[in-house]
PDB file of N, CA and C in Angstrom:
ATOM      1  N   UNK A   1     -41.001  76.499   3.726  1.00  0.00           N
ATOM      2  CA  UNK A   1     -40.000  76.097   4.725  1.00  0.00           C
ATOM      3  C   UNK A   1     -39.460  74.701   4.405  1.00  0.00           C
ATOM      4  N   UNK A   2     -40.365  73.790   4.108  1.00  0.00           N
ATOM      5  CA  UNK A   2     -39.942  72.424   3.790  1.00  0.00           C
ATOM      6  C   UNK A   2     -39.068  72.406   2.539  1.00  0.00           C
ATOM      7  N   UNK A   3     -39.414  73.268   1.572  1.00  0.00           N
ATOM      8  CA  UNK A   3     -38.635  73.333   0.330  1.00  0.00           C
ATOM      9  C   UNK A   3     -37.209  73.796   0.627  1.00  0.00           C
ATOM     10  N   UNK A   4     -37.082  74.793   1.501  1.00  0.00           N
ATOM     11  CA  UNK A   4     -35.762  75.309   1.866  1.00  0.00           C
ATOM     12  C   UNK A   4     -34.942  74.207   2.539  1.00  0.00           C
ATOM     13  N   UNK A   5     -35.567  73.458   3.441  1.00  0.00           N
ATOM     14  CA  UNK A   5     -34.863  72.363   4.115  1.00  0.00           C
ATOM     15  C   UNK A   5     -34.395  71.327   3.100  1.00  0.00           C
ATOM     16  N   UNK A   6     -35.253  71.041   2.107  1.00  0.00           N
ATOM     17  CA  UNK A   6     -34.897  70.048   1.090  1.00  0.00           C
ATOM     18  C   UNK A   6     -33.688  70.523   0.287  1.00  0.00           C
ATOM     19  N   UNK A   7     -33.704  71.788  -0.120  1.00  0.00           N
ATOM     20  CA  UNK A   7     -32.580  72.346  -0.876  1.00  0.00           C
ATOM     21  C   UNK A   7     -31.303  72.314  -0.040  1.00  0.00           C
ATOM     22  N   UNK A   8     -31.419  72.684   1.231  1.00  0.00           N
ATOM     23  CA  UNK A   8     -30.260  72.701   2.118  1.00  0.00           C
ATOM     24  C   UNK A   8     -29.697  71.286   2.268  1.00  0.00           C
ATOM     25  N   UNK A   9     -30.587  70.301   2.396  1.00  0.00           N
ATOM     26  CA  UNK A   9     -30.154  68.909   2.503  1.00  0.00           C
ATOM     27  C   UNK A   9     -29.395  68.473   1.260  1.00  0.00           C
ATOM     28  N   UNK A  10     -29.892  68.884   0.093  1.00  0.00           N
ATOM     29  CA  UNK A  10     -29.208  68.544  -1.158  1.00  0.00           C
ATOM     30  C   UNK A  10     -27.818  69.151  -1.198  1.00  0.00           C
ATOM     31  N   UNK A  11     -27.725  70.413  -0.751  1.00  0.00           N
ATOM     32  CA  UNK A  11     -26.442  71.112  -0.769  1.00  0.00           C
ATOM     33  C   UNK A  11     -25.437  70.396   0.134  1.00  0.00           C
ATOM     34  N   UNK A  12     -25.880  70.001   1.322  1.00  0.00           N
ATOM     35  CA  UNK A  12     -24.994  69.293   2.256  1.00  0.00           C
ATOM     36  C   UNK A  12     -24.541  67.966   1.664  1.00  0.00           C
ATOM     37  N   UNK A  13     -25.453  67.285   0.946  1.00  0.00           N
ATOM     38  CA  UNK A  13     -25.104  66.007   0.325  1.00  0.00           C
ATOM     39  C   UNK A  13     -24.034  66.224  -0.744  1.00  0.00           C
ATOM     40  N   UNK A  14     -24.190  67.288  -1.546  1.00  0.00           N
ATOM     41  CA  UNK A  14     -23.199  67.605  -2.573  1.00  0.00           C
ATOM     42  C   UNK A  14     -21.838  67.874  -1.935  1.00  0.00           C
ATOM     43  N   UNK A  15     -21.833  68.621  -0.839  1.00  0.00           N
ATOM     44  CA  UNK A  15     -20.579  68.924  -0.156  1.00  0.00           C
ATOM     45  C   UNK A  15     -19.893  67.644   0.304  1.00  0.00           C
ATOM     46  N   UNK A  16     -20.697  66.688   0.801  1.00  0.00           N
ATOM     47  CA  UNK A  16     -20.140  65.422   1.267  1.00  0.00           C
ATOM     48  C   UNK A  16     -19.491  64.677   0.097  1.00  0.00           C
ATOM     49  N   UNK A  17     -20.184  64.659  -1.062  1.00  0.00           N
ATOM     50  CA  UNK A  17     -19.635  63.993  -2.248  1.00  0.00           C
ATOM     51  C   UNK A  17     -18.345  64.669  -2.690  1.00  0.00           C
ATOM     52  N   UNK A  18     -18.345  66.002  -2.684  1.00  0.00           N
ATOM     53  CA  UNK A  18     -17.158  66.750  -3.110  1.00  0.00           C
ATOM     54  C   UNK A  18     -15.985  66.441  -2.186  1.00  0.00           C
ATOM     55  N   UNK A  19     -16.267  66.396  -0.878  1.00  0.00           N
ATOM     56  CA  UNK A  19     -15.204  66.114   0.092  1.00  0.00           C
ATOM     57  C   UNK A  19     -14.656  64.709  -0.133  1.00  0.00           C
ATOM     58  N   UNK A  20     -15.562  63.743  -0.396  1.00  0.00           N
ATOM     59  CA  UNK A  20     -15.125  62.365  -0.616  1.00  0.00           C
ATOM     60  C   UNK A  20     -14.251  62.297  -1.874  1.00  0.00           C
ATOM     61  N   UNK A  21     -14.670  63.016  -2.929  1.00  0.00           N
ATOM     62  CA  UNK A  21     -13.903  63.009  -4.175  1.00  0.00           C
ATOM     63  C   UNK A  21     -12.532  63.627  -3.946  1.00  0.00           C
ATOM     64  N   UNK A  22     -12.487  64.721  -3.191  1.00  0.00           N
ATOM     65  CA  UNK A  22     -11.219  65.393  -2.907  1.00  0.00           C
ATOM     66  C   UNK A  22     -10.289  64.464  -2.132  1.00  0.00           C
ATOM     67  N   UNK A  23     -10.868  63.705  -1.179  1.00  0.00           N
ATOM     68  CA  UNK A  23     -10.055  62.783  -0.383  1.00  0.00           C
ATOM     69  C   UNK A  23      -9.495  61.675  -1.280  1.00  0.00           C
ATOM     70  N   UNK A  24     -10.307  61.183  -2.236  1.00  0.00           N
ATOM     71  CA  UNK A  24      -9.843  60.136  -3.147  1.00  0.00           C
ATOM     72  C   UNK A  24      -8.699  60.655  -4.010  1.00  0.00           C
ATOM     73  N   UNK A  25      -8.847  61.882  -4.523  1.00  0.00           N
ATOM     74  CA  UNK A  25      -7.798  62.487  -5.350  1.00  0.00           C
ATOM     75  C   UNK A  25      -6.525  62.660  -4.531  1.00  0.00           C
ATOM     76  N   UNK A  26      -6.663  63.140  -3.299  1.00  0.00           N
ATOM     77  CA  UNK A  26      -5.503  63.339  -2.426  1.00  0.00           C
ATOM     78  C   UNK A  26      -4.791  62.018  -2.171  1.00  0.00           C
ATOM     79  N   UNK A  27      -5.561  60.961  -1.911  1.00  0.00           N
ATOM     80  CA  UNK A  27      -4.970  59.644  -1.665  1.00  0.00           C
ATOM     81  C   UNK A  27      -4.231  59.164  -2.905  1.00  0.00           C
ATOM     82  N   UNK A  28      -4.804  59.412  -4.085  1.00  0.00           N
ATOM     83  CA  UNK A  28      -4.172  58.985  -5.329  1.00  0.00           C
ATOM     84  C   UNK A  28      -2.858  59.725  -5.530  1.00  0.00           C
ATOM     85  N   UNK A  29      -2.863  61.038  -5.264  1.00  0.00           N
ATOM     86  CA  UNK A  29      -1.644  61.843  -5.412  1.00  0.00           C
ATOM     87  C   UNK A  29      -0.572  61.338  -4.452  1.00  0.00           C
ATOM     88  N   UNK A  30      -0.958  61.076  -3.194  1.00  0.00           N
ATOM     89  CA  UNK A  30       0.008  60.584  -2.205  1.00  0.00           C
ATOM     90  C   UNK A  30       0.607  59.258  -2.659  1.00  0.00           C
ATOM     91  N   UNK A  31      -0.232  58.384  -3.243  1.00  0.00           N
ATOM     92  CA  UNK A  31       0.257  57.093  -3.720  1.00  0.00           C
ATOM     93  C   UNK A  31       1.264  57.299  -4.845  1.00  0.00           C
ATOM     94  N   UNK A  32       0.958  58.196  -5.785  1.00  0.00           N
ATOM     95  CA  UNK A  32       1.864  58.475  -6.903  1.00  0.00           C
ATOM     96  C   UNK A  32       3.185  59.025  -6.377  1.00  0.00           C
ATOM     97  N   UNK A  33       3.110  59.925  -5.389  1.00  0.00           N
ATOM     98  CA  UNK A  33       4.325  60.510  -4.816  1.00  0.00           C
ATOM     99  C   UNK A  33       5.169  59.415  -4.174  1.00  0.00           C
ATOM    100  N   UNK A  34       4.517  58.509  -3.426  1.00  0.00           N
ATOM    101  CA  UNK A  34       5.259  57.409  -2.795  1.00  0.00           C
ATOM    102  C   UNK A  34       5.897  56.514  -3.860  1.00  0.00           C
ATOM    103  N   UNK A  35       5.124  56.176  -4.897  1.00  0.00           N
ATOM    104  CA  UNK A  35       5.660  55.333  -5.971  1.00  0.00           C
ATOM    105  C   UNK A  35       6.813  56.042  -6.674  1.00  0.00           C
ATOM    106  N   UNK A  36       6.651  57.338  -6.944  1.00  0.00           N
ATOM    107  CA  UNK A  36       7.700  58.117  -7.598  1.00  0.00           C
ATOM    108  C   UNK A  36       8.965  58.130  -6.759  1.00  0.00           C
ATOM    109  N   UNK A  37       8.824  58.299  -5.453  1.00  0.00           N
ATOM    110  CA  UNK A  37       9.973  58.302  -4.561  1.00  0.00           C
ATOM    111  C   UNK A  37      10.694  56.963  -4.590  1.00  0.00           C
ATOM    112  N   UNK A  38       9.910  55.875  -4.636  1.00  0.00           N
ATOM    113  CA  UNK A  38      10.495  54.547  -4.672  1.00  0.00           C
ATOM    114  C   UNK A  38      11.259  54.345  -5.987  1.00  0.00           C
ATOM    115  N   UNK A  39      10.668  54.818  -7.099  1.00  0.00           N
ATOM    116  CA  UNK A  39      11.323  54.667  -8.397  1.00  0.00           C
ATOM    117  C   UNK A  39      12.650  55.421  -8.412  1.00  0.00           C
ATOM    118  N   UNK A  40      12.660  56.632  -7.838  1.00  0.00           N
ATOM    119  CA  UNK A  40      13.870  57.441  -7.815  1.00  0.00           C
ATOM    120  C   UNK A  40      14.956  56.757  -6.973  1.00  0.00           C
ATOM    121  N   UNK A  41      14.552  56.129  -5.872  1.00  0.00           N
ATOM    122  CA  UNK A  41      15.533  55.468  -5.008  1.00  0.00           C
ATOM    123  C   UNK A  41      16.199  54.294  -5.729  1.00  0.00           C
ATOM    124  N   UNK A  42      15.444  53.617  -6.599  1.00  0.00           N
ATOM    125  CA  UNK A  42      15.993  52.454  -7.305  1.00  0.00           C
ATOM    126  C   UNK A  42      17.041  52.855  -8.343  1.00  0.00           C
ATOM    127  N   UNK A  43      16.912  54.059  -8.929  1.00  0.00           N
ATOM    128  CA  UNK A  43      17.837  54.482  -9.988  1.00  0.00           C
ATOM    129  C   UNK A  43      19.241  54.634  -9.530  1.00  0.00           C
TER     130      UNK A  43
END
């Protein structure tokens, strides 16, 4: 039982890391889109 709880805890931790990474990627994409829009407006 304790082993199962430990594995489940690890899985939840991985999910948290994956979500954080996805949020960082999304923020980076949004920044690039904003910068791209600004560059296009200047042309």
